[in-house]
Amino acid sequence: MSDAGSDSEISFSVKFFGRLVVVRPDGMQILMEASAALQTPSSEVSDKVKKKKAKVHLSLSRSGIDILEYKTKVYFDSLLVWQFMLYSCPLSTVSFCAVHQMQPKLFGFIAKHPATDLYHCYVFQSQKFSHLLVSVVGDAFQASGQKQQNNILQRENNDLKRRLQKKDGVHIHENSGDDEYIEQSTSQDAVRFKSVGN
């Protein structure tokens, strides 16, 4: 991943077989069944899914997975390129990601639709990078989990400070830097604590 910003991303060109509603949020069996259904679409799978077997760019970042389709056209000796966002899945909605057990060029992930209680399995094919992509999704998921854990701890810390302030008459003064000073004004001798932020 490049360090272009706090939410750097990496992009791969892959073949997209489509997405399919699935009954569970995880499991290799679910991925294998969805892969089979998307490779040989039956009458149950819509025509929209059948048309999705195209090259796309799978863009991974710490915040999510984006599936982008590029269209090109030659117009008066110029090449025009359009980019379309097919799907965007926040990383917090992804519940499973794996390489197909029997077909190592296939991989997929399962994500919950942000507006409904439905889970979709997204299936892709990559000639060389399927294991790498699953590993990168895992790394991004872990980084996202650490960020969420840090946010939870920060909220808990702020809540404890507020409770301490209400209970003991503690006043919290924050400096412009990472240092934080806490003054207790209820005792005769003022007590000061200095904590250096992480």
N, C-alpha and C. Protein backbone atom coordinates (compact mmCIF):
# COMPACT_ATOMS: atom_id res chain seq x y z
N MET A 1 0.84 -1.18 0.00
CA MET A 1 0.00 0.00 0.00
C MET A 1 0.88 1.24 0.00
N SER A 2 0.47 2.21 -0.74
CA SER A 2 1.23 3.45 -0.76
C SER A 2 0.87 4.29 0.44
N ASP A 3 1.75 5.24 0.78
CA ASP A 3 1.50 6.12 1.92
C ASP A 3 0.99 7.47 1.46
N ALA A 4 0.06 7.47 0.54
CA ALA A 4 -0.47 8.73 0.00
C ALA A 4 -1.30 9.48 1.03
N GLY A 5 -1.79 8.78 2.04
CA GLY A 5 -2.59 9.42 3.06
C GLY A 5 -2.86 8.43 4.16
N SER A 6 -3.70 8.83 5.09
CA SER A 6 -3.99 7.94 6.21
C SER A 6 -4.85 6.77 5.76
N ASP A 7 -5.51 6.90 4.63
CA ASP A 7 -6.35 5.82 4.13
C ASP A 7 -5.82 5.40 2.76
N SER A 8 -4.54 4.97 2.71
CA SER A 8 -3.93 4.58 1.45
C SER A 8 -4.63 3.35 0.90
N GLU A 9 -4.50 3.15 -0.40
CA GLU A 9 -5.20 2.04 -1.03
C GLU A 9 -4.31 1.34 -2.03
N ILE A 10 -4.73 0.14 -2.39
CA ILE A 10 -4.03 -0.65 -3.40
C ILE A 10 -5.10 -1.18 -4.35
N SER A 11 -4.76 -1.28 -5.62
CA SER A 11 -5.74 -1.67 -6.62
C SER A 11 -5.20 -2.80 -7.48
N PHE A 12 -6.05 -3.77 -7.80
CA PHE A 12 -5.71 -4.90 -8.64
C PHE A 12 -6.74 -5.04 -9.74
N SER A 13 -6.30 -5.47 -10.90
CA SER A 13 -7.22 -5.77 -11.99
C SER A 13 -7.59 -7.25 -11.90
N VAL A 14 -8.88 -7.54 -11.80
CA VAL A 14 -9.37 -8.91 -11.66
C VAL A 14 -10.61 -9.11 -12.53
N LYS A 15 -11.00 -10.35 -12.70
CA LYS A 15 -12.24 -10.67 -13.38
C LYS A 15 -13.33 -10.80 -12.32
N PHE A 16 -14.43 -10.11 -12.54
CA PHE A 16 -15.54 -10.11 -11.58
C PHE A 16 -16.66 -11.00 -12.09
N PHE A 17 -16.99 -12.02 -11.30
CA PHE A 17 -18.08 -12.92 -11.67
C PHE A 17 -19.43 -12.40 -11.22
N GLY A 18 -19.45 -11.52 -10.23
CA GLY A 18 -20.70 -10.95 -9.75
C GLY A 18 -20.87 -11.13 -8.27
N ARG A 19 -22.05 -10.78 -7.81
CA ARG A 19 -22.38 -10.96 -6.40
C ARG A 19 -23.70 -11.69 -6.31
N LEU A 20 -23.88 -12.36 -5.20
CA LEU A 20 -25.05 -13.19 -5.00
C LEU A 20 -25.48 -13.11 -3.55
N VAL A 21 -26.78 -13.01 -3.29
CA VAL A 21 -27.29 -13.03 -1.92
C VAL A 21 -27.04 -14.41 -1.34
N VAL A 22 -26.51 -14.45 -0.12
CA VAL A 22 -26.22 -15.72 0.55
C VAL A 22 -26.94 -15.76 1.90
N VAL A 23 -27.05 -16.97 2.44
CA VAL A 23 -27.85 -17.17 3.65
C VAL A 23 -27.07 -16.96 4.94
N ARG A 24 -25.73 -17.05 4.87
CA ARG A 24 -24.91 -16.89 6.07
C ARG A 24 -23.79 -15.89 5.81
N PRO A 25 -23.26 -15.26 6.87
CA PRO A 25 -22.22 -14.26 6.68
C PRO A 25 -20.81 -14.81 6.51
N ASP A 26 -20.63 -16.12 6.61
CA ASP A 26 -19.28 -16.65 6.46
C ASP A 26 -19.31 -18.13 6.10
N GLY A 27 -18.14 -18.63 5.76
CA GLY A 27 -17.99 -20.05 5.49
C GLY A 27 -17.50 -20.35 4.09
N MET A 28 -16.55 -21.28 4.03
CA MET A 28 -16.01 -21.71 2.74
C MET A 28 -17.09 -22.34 1.87
N GLN A 29 -18.00 -23.08 2.47
CA GLN A 29 -19.08 -23.71 1.71
C GLN A 29 -19.94 -22.67 1.01
N ILE A 30 -20.23 -21.56 1.69
CA ILE A 30 -21.01 -20.47 1.10
C ILE A 30 -20.27 -19.89 -0.10
N LEU A 31 -18.97 -19.66 0.05
CA LEU A 31 -18.16 -19.12 -1.05
C LEU A 31 -18.15 -20.08 -2.23
N MET A 32 -18.00 -21.36 -1.98
CA MET A 32 -17.94 -22.34 -3.06
C MET A 32 -19.29 -22.45 -3.79
N GLU A 33 -20.38 -22.41 -3.03
CA GLU A 33 -21.71 -22.48 -3.65
C GLU A 33 -21.99 -21.22 -4.48
N ALA A 34 -21.62 -20.05 -3.96
CA ALA A 34 -21.83 -18.81 -4.70
C ALA A 34 -20.98 -18.80 -5.97
N SER A 35 -19.74 -19.29 -5.86
CA SER A 35 -18.85 -19.36 -7.04
C SER A 35 -19.45 -20.25 -8.11
N ALA A 36 -19.96 -21.41 -7.70
CA ALA A 36 -20.56 -22.33 -8.66
C ALA A 36 -21.78 -21.71 -9.33
N ALA A 37 -22.61 -21.03 -8.54
CA ALA A 37 -23.82 -20.41 -9.09
C ALA A 37 -23.48 -19.28 -10.07
N LEU A 38 -22.43 -18.52 -9.76
CA LEU A 38 -22.07 -17.40 -10.62
C LEU A 38 -21.31 -17.84 -11.87
N GLN A 39 -20.62 -18.98 -11.80
CA GLN A 39 -19.89 -19.47 -12.97
C GLN A 39 -20.82 -20.11 -13.98
N THR A 40 -21.86 -20.76 -13.50
CA THR A 40 -22.86 -21.38 -14.38
C THR A 40 -24.23 -20.88 -13.96
N PRO A 41 -24.56 -19.65 -14.31
CA PRO A 41 -25.82 -19.06 -13.86
C PRO A 41 -27.03 -19.86 -14.31
N SER A 42 -27.92 -20.09 -13.38
CA SER A 42 -29.18 -20.76 -13.68
C SER A 42 -30.25 -19.70 -13.89
N SER A 43 -31.46 -20.14 -14.06
CA SER A 43 -32.56 -19.19 -14.26
C SER A 43 -32.82 -18.37 -13.00
N GLU A 44 -32.34 -18.86 -11.84
CA GLU A 44 -32.54 -18.13 -10.58
C GLU A 44 -31.64 -16.90 -10.50
N VAL A 45 -30.52 -16.92 -11.21
CA VAL A 45 -29.60 -15.80 -11.18
C VAL A 45 -30.00 -14.83 -12.28
N SER A 46 -30.13 -13.56 -11.93
CA SER A 46 -30.64 -12.57 -12.88
C SER A 46 -29.66 -12.33 -14.03
N ASP A 47 -30.18 -11.77 -15.12
CA ASP A 47 -29.35 -11.41 -16.26
C ASP A 47 -28.31 -10.37 -15.88
N LYS A 48 -28.64 -9.52 -14.89
CA LYS A 48 -27.70 -8.50 -14.45
C LYS A 48 -26.41 -9.15 -13.94
N VAL A 49 -26.53 -10.23 -13.21
CA VAL A 49 -25.36 -10.92 -12.68
C VAL A 49 -24.59 -11.58 -13.82
N LYS A 50 -25.29 -12.13 -14.80
CA LYS A 50 -24.63 -12.80 -15.92
C LYS A 50 -23.73 -11.85 -16.69
N LYS A 51 -24.11 -10.56 -16.77
CA LYS A 51 -23.34 -9.59 -17.54
C LYS A 51 -22.10 -9.10 -16.81
N LYS A 52 -21.96 -9.40 -15.54
CA LYS A 52 -20.89 -8.82 -14.74
C LYS A 52 -19.55 -9.53 -14.88
N LYS A 53 -19.41 -10.52 -15.76
CA LYS A 53 -18.14 -11.22 -15.92
C LYS A 53 -17.20 -10.36 -16.75
N ALA A 54 -16.66 -9.34 -16.10
CA ALA A 54 -15.82 -8.38 -16.80
C ALA A 54 -14.62 -8.03 -15.94
N LYS A 55 -13.62 -7.44 -16.59
CA LYS A 55 -12.45 -6.96 -15.86
C LYS A 55 -12.85 -5.74 -15.04
N VAL A 56 -12.46 -5.75 -13.79
CA VAL A 56 -12.71 -4.62 -12.90
C VAL A 56 -11.44 -4.34 -12.11
N HIS A 57 -11.45 -3.22 -11.43
CA HIS A 57 -10.37 -2.89 -10.51
C HIS A 57 -10.91 -3.06 -9.10
N LEU A 58 -10.24 -3.87 -8.34
CA LEU A 58 -10.60 -4.09 -6.94
C LEU A 58 -9.68 -3.20 -6.12
N SER A 59 -10.25 -2.20 -5.49
CA SER A 59 -9.48 -1.22 -4.74
C SER A 59 -9.67 -1.48 -3.26
N LEU A 60 -8.57 -1.74 -2.54
CA LEU A 60 -8.62 -2.06 -1.12
C LEU A 60 -7.98 -0.96 -0.31
N SER A 61 -8.64 -0.58 0.76
CA SER A 61 -8.09 0.41 1.69
C SER A 61 -8.47 0.01 3.10
N ARG A 62 -8.02 0.78 4.07
CA ARG A 62 -8.36 0.47 5.46
C ARG A 62 -9.83 0.72 5.76
N SER A 63 -10.49 1.48 4.89
CA SER A 63 -11.90 1.77 5.14
C SER A 63 -12.85 0.86 4.37
N GLY A 64 -12.39 0.26 3.27
CA GLY A 64 -13.32 -0.58 2.53
C GLY A 64 -12.77 -1.18 1.27
N ILE A 65 -13.66 -1.85 0.56
CA ILE A 65 -13.35 -2.48 -0.72
C ILE A 65 -14.26 -1.87 -1.77
N ASP A 66 -13.67 -1.33 -2.81
CA ASP A 66 -14.43 -0.74 -3.90
C ASP A 66 -14.21 -1.58 -5.15
N ILE A 67 -15.29 -1.79 -5.90
CA ILE A 67 -15.22 -2.52 -7.17
C ILE A 67 -15.53 -1.51 -8.27
N LEU A 68 -14.52 -1.22 -9.09
CA LEU A 68 -14.62 -0.18 -10.11
C LEU A 68 -14.53 -0.79 -11.49
N GLU A 69 -15.37 -0.33 -12.38
CA GLU A 69 -15.34 -0.79 -13.77
C GLU A 69 -14.89 0.37 -14.64
N TYR A 70 -13.99 0.08 -15.57
CA TYR A 70 -13.49 1.09 -16.48
C TYR A 70 -14.00 0.80 -17.88
N LYS A 71 -14.50 1.82 -18.54
CA LYS A 71 -14.91 1.73 -19.94
C LYS A 71 -14.01 2.62 -20.76
N THR A 72 -13.57 2.14 -21.90
CA THR A 72 -12.71 2.93 -22.78
C THR A 72 -13.36 3.06 -24.15
N LYS A 73 -13.03 4.18 -24.80
CA LYS A 73 -13.55 4.41 -26.15
C LYS A 73 -12.57 5.31 -26.89
N VAL A 74 -12.31 4.97 -28.14
CA VAL A 74 -11.46 5.82 -28.97
C VAL A 74 -12.37 6.85 -29.63
N TYR A 75 -12.02 8.12 -29.45
CA TYR A 75 -12.83 9.21 -29.99
C TYR A 75 -11.90 10.22 -30.64
N PHE A 76 -11.94 10.31 -31.95
CA PHE A 76 -11.08 11.22 -32.71
C PHE A 76 -9.61 11.08 -32.29
N ASP A 77 -9.09 9.88 -32.40
CA ASP A 77 -7.70 9.58 -32.09
C ASP A 77 -7.32 9.80 -30.62
N SER A 78 -8.30 9.91 -29.75
CA SER A 78 -8.04 10.04 -28.31
C SER A 78 -8.71 8.88 -27.59
N LEU A 79 -8.07 8.44 -26.55
CA LEU A 79 -8.63 7.36 -25.75
C LEU A 79 -9.35 7.97 -24.55
N LEU A 80 -10.64 7.74 -24.47
CA LEU A 80 -11.43 8.23 -23.34
C LEU A 80 -11.67 7.09 -22.37
N VAL A 81 -11.53 7.37 -21.08
CA VAL A 81 -11.71 6.35 -20.05
C VAL A 81 -12.74 6.85 -19.04
N TRP A 82 -13.75 6.03 -18.78
CA TRP A 82 -14.76 6.32 -17.77
C TRP A 82 -14.61 5.31 -16.65
N GLN A 83 -14.81 5.77 -15.45
CA GLN A 83 -14.73 4.91 -14.28
C GLN A 83 -16.11 4.86 -13.63
N PHE A 84 -16.60 3.65 -13.36
CA PHE A 84 -17.89 3.46 -12.72
C PHE A 84 -17.70 2.68 -11.43
N MET A 85 -18.30 3.16 -10.37
CA MET A 85 -18.29 2.43 -9.10
C MET A 85 -19.43 1.42 -9.15
N LEU A 86 -19.07 0.14 -9.19
CA LEU A 86 -20.10 -0.90 -9.18
C LEU A 86 -20.60 -1.14 -7.76
N TYR A 87 -19.67 -1.36 -6.84
CA TYR A 87 -20.03 -1.63 -5.45
C TYR A 87 -18.97 -1.04 -4.54
N SER A 88 -19.39 -0.62 -3.37
CA SER A 88 -18.49 -0.15 -2.33
C SER A 88 -18.90 -0.82 -1.03
N CYS A 89 -17.98 -1.54 -0.43
CA CYS A 89 -18.26 -2.28 0.80
C CYS A 89 -17.37 -1.77 1.91
N PRO A 90 -17.93 -1.06 2.90
CA PRO A 90 -17.11 -0.67 4.04
C PRO A 90 -16.51 -1.91 4.70
N LEU A 91 -15.28 -1.79 5.16
CA LEU A 91 -14.59 -2.94 5.72
C LEU A 91 -15.33 -3.50 6.94
N SER A 92 -16.05 -2.64 7.64
CA SER A 92 -16.79 -3.10 8.82
C SER A 92 -17.93 -4.05 8.45
N THR A 93 -18.35 -4.08 7.17
CA THR A 93 -19.43 -4.97 6.75
C THR A 93 -18.93 -6.31 6.25
N VAL A 94 -17.60 -6.43 6.01
CA VAL A 94 -17.03 -7.67 5.49
C VAL A 94 -16.90 -8.69 6.62
N SER A 95 -17.47 -9.87 6.40
CA SER A 95 -17.45 -10.90 7.45
C SER A 95 -16.63 -12.13 7.08
N PHE A 96 -16.23 -12.26 5.81
CA PHE A 96 -15.49 -13.44 5.37
C PHE A 96 -14.77 -13.14 4.08
N CYS A 97 -13.56 -13.69 3.93
CA CYS A 97 -12.80 -13.54 2.71
C CYS A 97 -11.88 -14.74 2.58
N ALA A 98 -11.86 -15.38 1.41
CA ALA A 98 -11.03 -16.59 1.25
C ALA A 98 -10.79 -16.89 -0.22
N VAL A 99 -9.79 -17.73 -0.44
CA VAL A 99 -9.51 -18.30 -1.76
C VAL A 99 -10.31 -19.59 -1.86
N HIS A 100 -10.89 -19.85 -3.01
CA HIS A 100 -11.67 -21.06 -3.27
C HIS A 100 -10.78 -22.28 -3.04
N GLN A 101 -11.28 -23.28 -2.32
CA GLN A 101 -10.48 -24.47 -1.99
C GLN A 101 -10.11 -25.30 -3.21
N MET A 102 -11.00 -25.42 -4.18
CA MET A 102 -10.76 -26.29 -5.33
C MET A 102 -10.23 -25.53 -6.55
N GLN A 103 -10.48 -24.24 -6.61
CA GLN A 103 -10.04 -23.42 -7.74
C GLN A 103 -9.24 -22.24 -7.20
N PRO A 104 -7.93 -22.39 -7.06
CA PRO A 104 -7.12 -21.36 -6.39
C PRO A 104 -7.05 -20.01 -7.09
N LYS A 105 -7.52 -19.92 -8.32
CA LYS A 105 -7.56 -18.61 -8.99
C LYS A 105 -8.80 -17.82 -8.60
N LEU A 106 -9.77 -18.48 -7.98
CA LEU A 106 -10.99 -17.80 -7.54
C LEU A 106 -10.88 -17.40 -6.07
N PHE A 107 -11.42 -16.25 -5.76
CA PHE A 107 -11.51 -15.81 -4.37
C PHE A 107 -12.76 -14.96 -4.24
N GLY A 108 -13.14 -14.72 -3.02
CA GLY A 108 -14.33 -13.91 -2.80
C GLY A 108 -14.43 -13.43 -1.38
N PHE A 109 -15.37 -12.55 -1.16
CA PHE A 109 -15.64 -12.08 0.19
C PHE A 109 -17.14 -11.94 0.37
N ILE A 110 -17.56 -11.99 1.62
CA ILE A 110 -18.97 -11.83 1.98
C ILE A 110 -19.10 -10.55 2.78
N ALA A 111 -20.07 -9.72 2.42
CA ALA A 111 -20.30 -8.45 3.11
C ALA A 111 -21.79 -8.23 3.30
N LYS A 112 -22.11 -7.58 4.40
CA LYS A 112 -23.51 -7.24 4.68
C LYS A 112 -23.86 -5.95 3.95
N HIS A 113 -25.01 -5.94 3.31
CA HIS A 113 -25.47 -4.73 2.63
C HIS A 113 -25.73 -3.67 3.70
N PRO A 114 -25.22 -2.45 3.51
CA PRO A 114 -25.36 -1.43 4.56
C PRO A 114 -26.79 -1.00 4.85
N ALA A 115 -27.70 -1.17 3.91
CA ALA A 115 -29.08 -0.70 4.11
C ALA A 115 -30.06 -1.82 4.45
N THR A 116 -29.64 -3.07 4.32
CA THR A 116 -30.54 -4.19 4.59
C THR A 116 -29.83 -5.22 5.46
N ASP A 117 -30.54 -6.28 5.80
CA ASP A 117 -29.94 -7.37 6.57
C ASP A 117 -29.46 -8.49 5.66
N LEU A 118 -29.26 -8.22 4.38
CA LEU A 118 -28.84 -9.24 3.43
C LEU A 118 -27.31 -9.29 3.34
N TYR A 119 -26.80 -10.50 3.15
CA TYR A 119 -25.38 -10.70 2.91
C TYR A 119 -25.18 -11.06 1.45
N HIS A 120 -24.12 -10.49 0.85
CA HIS A 120 -23.78 -10.78 -0.54
C HIS A 120 -22.39 -11.38 -0.59
N CYS A 121 -22.23 -12.37 -1.47
CA CYS A 121 -20.92 -12.94 -1.73
C CYS A 121 -20.44 -12.39 -3.07
N TYR A 122 -19.27 -11.79 -3.08
CA TYR A 122 -18.66 -11.22 -4.28
C TYR A 122 -17.56 -12.19 -4.72
N VAL A 123 -17.58 -12.59 -5.98
CA VAL A 123 -16.64 -13.60 -6.47
C VAL A 123 -15.79 -13.03 -7.60
N PHE A 124 -14.47 -13.31 -7.52
CA PHE A 124 -13.51 -12.79 -8.48
C PHE A 124 -12.56 -13.89 -8.94
N GLN A 125 -11.87 -13.60 -10.03
CA GLN A 125 -10.82 -14.49 -10.51
C GLN A 125 -9.58 -13.66 -10.77
N SER A 126 -8.45 -14.17 -10.31
CA SER A 126 -7.18 -13.53 -10.58
C SER A 126 -6.19 -14.62 -10.96
N GLN A 127 -5.46 -14.41 -12.03
CA GLN A 127 -4.52 -15.43 -12.50
C GLN A 127 -3.36 -15.61 -11.54
N LYS A 128 -2.93 -14.54 -10.87
CA LYS A 128 -1.74 -14.63 -10.03
C LYS A 128 -1.93 -14.17 -8.59
N PHE A 129 -2.93 -13.35 -8.33
CA PHE A 129 -2.95 -12.62 -7.07
C PHE A 129 -4.04 -13.02 -6.08
N SER A 130 -4.74 -14.11 -6.26
CA SER A 130 -5.87 -14.41 -5.38
C SER A 130 -5.44 -14.55 -3.92
N HIS A 131 -4.35 -15.27 -3.65
CA HIS A 131 -3.89 -15.43 -2.26
C HIS A 131 -3.41 -14.10 -1.69
N LEU A 132 -2.71 -13.32 -2.51
CA LEU A 132 -2.23 -12.01 -2.06
C LEU A 132 -3.39 -11.09 -1.73
N LEU A 133 -4.42 -11.07 -2.56
CA LEU A 133 -5.57 -10.20 -2.33
C LEU A 133 -6.29 -10.58 -1.03
N VAL A 134 -6.46 -11.86 -0.79
CA VAL A 134 -7.11 -12.29 0.45
C VAL A 134 -6.26 -11.88 1.65
N SER A 135 -4.95 -11.99 1.52
CA SER A 135 -4.04 -11.56 2.59
C SER A 135 -4.13 -10.06 2.84
N VAL A 136 -4.20 -9.27 1.76
CA VAL A 136 -4.30 -7.81 1.89
C VAL A 136 -5.63 -7.43 2.54
N VAL A 137 -6.72 -8.10 2.15
CA VAL A 137 -8.02 -7.83 2.79
C VAL A 137 -7.92 -8.14 4.29
N GLY A 138 -7.27 -9.25 4.63
CA GLY A 138 -7.09 -9.61 6.04
C GLY A 138 -6.28 -8.56 6.78
N ASP A 139 -5.20 -8.07 6.16
CA ASP A 139 -4.39 -7.02 6.79
C ASP A 139 -5.19 -5.74 6.99
N ALA A 140 -5.96 -5.35 5.97
CA ALA A 140 -6.78 -4.14 6.08
C ALA A 140 -7.84 -4.31 7.16
N PHE A 141 -8.42 -5.50 7.23
CA PHE A 141 -9.43 -5.77 8.25
C PHE A 141 -8.81 -5.68 9.65
N GLN A 142 -7.60 -6.23 9.81
CA GLN A 142 -6.92 -6.17 11.10
C GLN A 142 -6.59 -4.73 11.47
N ALA A 143 -6.09 -3.95 10.50
CA ALA A 143 -5.78 -2.54 10.75
C ALA A 143 -7.04 -1.77 11.13
N SER A 144 -8.14 -2.07 10.43
CA SER A 144 -9.41 -1.41 10.74
C SER A 144 -9.87 -1.78 12.14
N GLY A 145 -9.70 -3.04 12.51
CA GLY A 145 -10.08 -3.50 13.85
C GLY A 145 -9.27 -2.81 14.93
N GLN A 146 -7.97 -2.61 14.68
CA GLN A 146 -7.12 -1.92 15.64
C GLN A 146 -7.55 -0.46 15.76
N LYS A 147 -7.90 0.16 14.64
CA LYS A 147 -8.36 1.54 14.66
C LYS A 147 -9.66 1.64 15.45
N GLN A 148 -10.58 0.70 15.22
CA GLN A 148 -11.85 0.70 15.96
C GLN A 148 -11.61 0.49 17.45
N GLN A 149 -10.67 -0.41 17.79
CA GLN A 149 -10.35 -0.66 19.19
C GLN A 149 -9.77 0.60 19.82
N ASN A 150 -8.89 1.31 19.11
CA ASN A 150 -8.33 2.56 19.62
C ASN A 150 -9.42 3.59 19.84
N ASN A 151 -10.37 3.68 18.91
CA ASN A 151 -11.49 4.62 19.06
C ASN A 151 -12.34 4.27 20.28
N ILE A 152 -12.58 2.98 20.50
CA ILE A 152 -13.37 2.55 21.67
C ILE A 152 -12.64 2.92 22.95
N LEU A 153 -11.33 2.64 23.00
CA LEU A 153 -10.55 2.96 24.19
C LEU A 153 -10.52 4.47 24.44
N GLN A 154 -10.42 5.25 23.37
CA GLN A 154 -10.41 6.70 23.52
C GLN A 154 -11.74 7.20 24.07
N ARG A 155 -12.87 6.64 23.57
CA ARG A 155 -14.19 7.02 24.09
C ARG A 155 -14.33 6.65 25.56
N GLU A 156 -13.86 5.45 25.92
CA GLU A 156 -13.92 5.03 27.32
C GLU A 156 -13.09 5.94 28.20
N ASN A 157 -11.91 6.32 27.73
CA ASN A 157 -11.03 7.21 28.47
C ASN A 157 -11.69 8.57 28.69
N ASN A 158 -12.30 9.12 27.63
CA ASN A 158 -12.99 10.40 27.75
C ASN A 158 -14.18 10.31 28.70
N ASP A 159 -14.90 9.19 28.66
CA ASP A 159 -16.03 9.00 29.56
C ASP A 159 -15.56 8.94 31.01
N LEU A 160 -14.47 8.22 31.27
CA LEU A 160 -13.93 8.14 32.63
C LEU A 160 -13.47 9.51 33.12
N LYS A 161 -12.88 10.30 32.25
CA LYS A 161 -12.45 11.65 32.63
C LYS A 161 -13.65 12.50 33.03
N ARG A 162 -14.74 12.41 32.23
CA ARG A 162 -15.95 13.18 32.55
C ARG A 162 -16.55 12.75 33.88
N ARG A 163 -16.57 11.43 34.11
CA ARG A 163 -17.12 10.94 35.38
C ARG A 163 -16.27 11.38 36.56
N LEU A 164 -14.96 11.34 36.38
CA LEU A 164 -14.05 11.79 37.43
C LEU A 164 -14.26 13.27 37.71
N GLN A 165 -14.44 14.02 36.66
CA GLN A 165 -14.64 15.46 36.81
C GLN A 165 -15.92 15.74 37.59
N LYS A 166 -17.00 15.04 37.28
CA LYS A 166 -18.28 15.25 37.98
C LYS A 166 -18.21 14.79 39.43
N LYS A 167 -17.57 13.65 39.67
CA LYS A 167 -17.56 13.05 41.00
C LYS A 167 -16.65 13.81 41.96
N ASP A 168 -15.44 14.13 41.54
CA ASP A 168 -14.46 14.68 42.46
C ASP A 168 -14.17 16.16 42.24
N GLY A 169 -14.92 16.81 41.38
CA GLY A 169 -14.65 18.22 41.12
C GLY A 169 -13.33 18.44 40.41
N VAL A 170 -12.94 17.50 39.59
CA VAL A 170 -11.68 17.60 38.87
C VAL A 170 -11.90 18.43 37.63
N HIS A 171 -10.96 19.32 37.34
CA HIS A 171 -11.02 20.13 36.13
C HIS A 171 -9.91 19.68 35.21
N ILE A 172 -10.25 19.40 33.97
CA ILE A 172 -9.27 18.92 33.01
C ILE A 172 -8.90 20.07 32.09
N HIS A 173 -7.60 20.34 32.02
CA HIS A 173 -7.10 21.38 31.13
C HIS A 173 -6.27 20.72 30.07
N GLU A 174 -6.56 21.00 28.81
CA GLU A 174 -5.79 20.42 27.72
C GLU A 174 -4.92 21.49 27.09
N ASN A 175 -3.66 21.13 26.86
CA ASN A 175 -2.73 22.02 26.18
C ASN A 175 -2.83 21.80 24.68
N SER A 176 -2.14 22.63 23.94
CA SER A 176 -2.16 22.51 22.49
C SER A 176 -1.42 21.27 22.02
N GLY A 177 -0.48 20.76 22.81
CA GLY A 177 0.28 19.57 22.41
C GLY A 177 -0.40 18.31 22.87
N ASP A 178 0.38 17.24 22.99
CA ASP A 178 -0.16 15.96 23.43
C ASP A 178 -0.25 15.86 24.94
N ASP A 179 0.36 16.81 25.68
CA ASP A 179 0.34 16.74 27.13
C ASP A 179 -1.01 17.18 27.66
N GLU A 180 -1.40 16.57 28.76
CA GLU A 180 -2.70 16.86 29.35
C GLU A 180 -2.49 17.03 30.84
N TYR A 181 -3.08 18.05 31.42
CA TYR A 181 -2.94 18.29 32.84
C TYR A 181 -4.28 18.15 33.51
N ILE A 182 -4.29 17.50 34.67
CA ILE A 182 -5.51 17.34 35.45
C ILE A 182 -5.27 17.99 36.80
N GLU A 183 -6.16 18.88 37.20
CA GLU A 183 -6.04 19.57 38.47
C GLU A 183 -7.20 19.16 39.35
N GLN A 184 -6.91 18.83 40.59
CA GLN A 184 -7.98 18.50 41.53
C GLN A 184 -8.11 19.68 42.48
N SER A 185 -9.25 20.30 42.47
CA SER A 185 -9.43 21.53 43.24
C SER A 185 -10.18 21.31 44.54
N THR A 186 -10.58 20.09 44.87
CA THR A 186 -11.37 19.87 46.07
C THR A 186 -10.51 19.73 47.31
N SER A 187 -9.24 19.38 47.18
CA SER A 187 -8.38 19.25 48.36
C SER A 187 -7.66 20.56 48.60
N GLN A 188 -7.05 20.67 49.78
CA GLN A 188 -6.33 21.88 50.11
C GLN A 188 -5.10 22.04 49.22
N ASP A 189 -4.36 20.97 49.04
CA ASP A 189 -3.19 21.02 48.17
C ASP A 189 -3.60 20.56 46.78
N ALA A 190 -3.34 21.38 45.78
CA ALA A 190 -3.70 21.03 44.42
C ALA A 190 -2.83 19.87 43.96
N VAL A 191 -3.47 18.86 43.37
CA VAL A 191 -2.76 17.69 42.86
C VAL A 191 -2.74 17.80 41.35
N ARG A 192 -1.58 17.65 40.74
CA ARG A 192 -1.47 17.72 39.27
C ARG A 192 -0.94 16.41 38.75
N PHE A 193 -1.56 15.96 37.70
CA PHE A 193 -1.11 14.74 36.99
C PHE A 193 -0.76 15.14 35.59
N LYS A 194 0.36 14.66 35.12
CA LYS A 194 0.75 14.93 33.74
C LYS A 194 0.82 13.59 33.02
N SER A 195 0.09 13.49 31.91
CA SER A 195 0.17 12.27 31.13
C SER A 195 0.54 12.65 29.72
N VAL A 196 1.50 11.95 29.17
CA VAL A 196 1.92 12.19 27.80
C VAL A 196 1.09 11.30 26.91
N GLY A 197 0.40 11.88 25.90
CA GLY A 197 -0.46 11.12 25.00
C GLY A 197 0.34 10.16 24.16
N ASN A 198 -0.38 9.12 23.68
CA ASN A 198 0.28 8.11 22.85
C ASN A 198 0.53 8.64 21.47
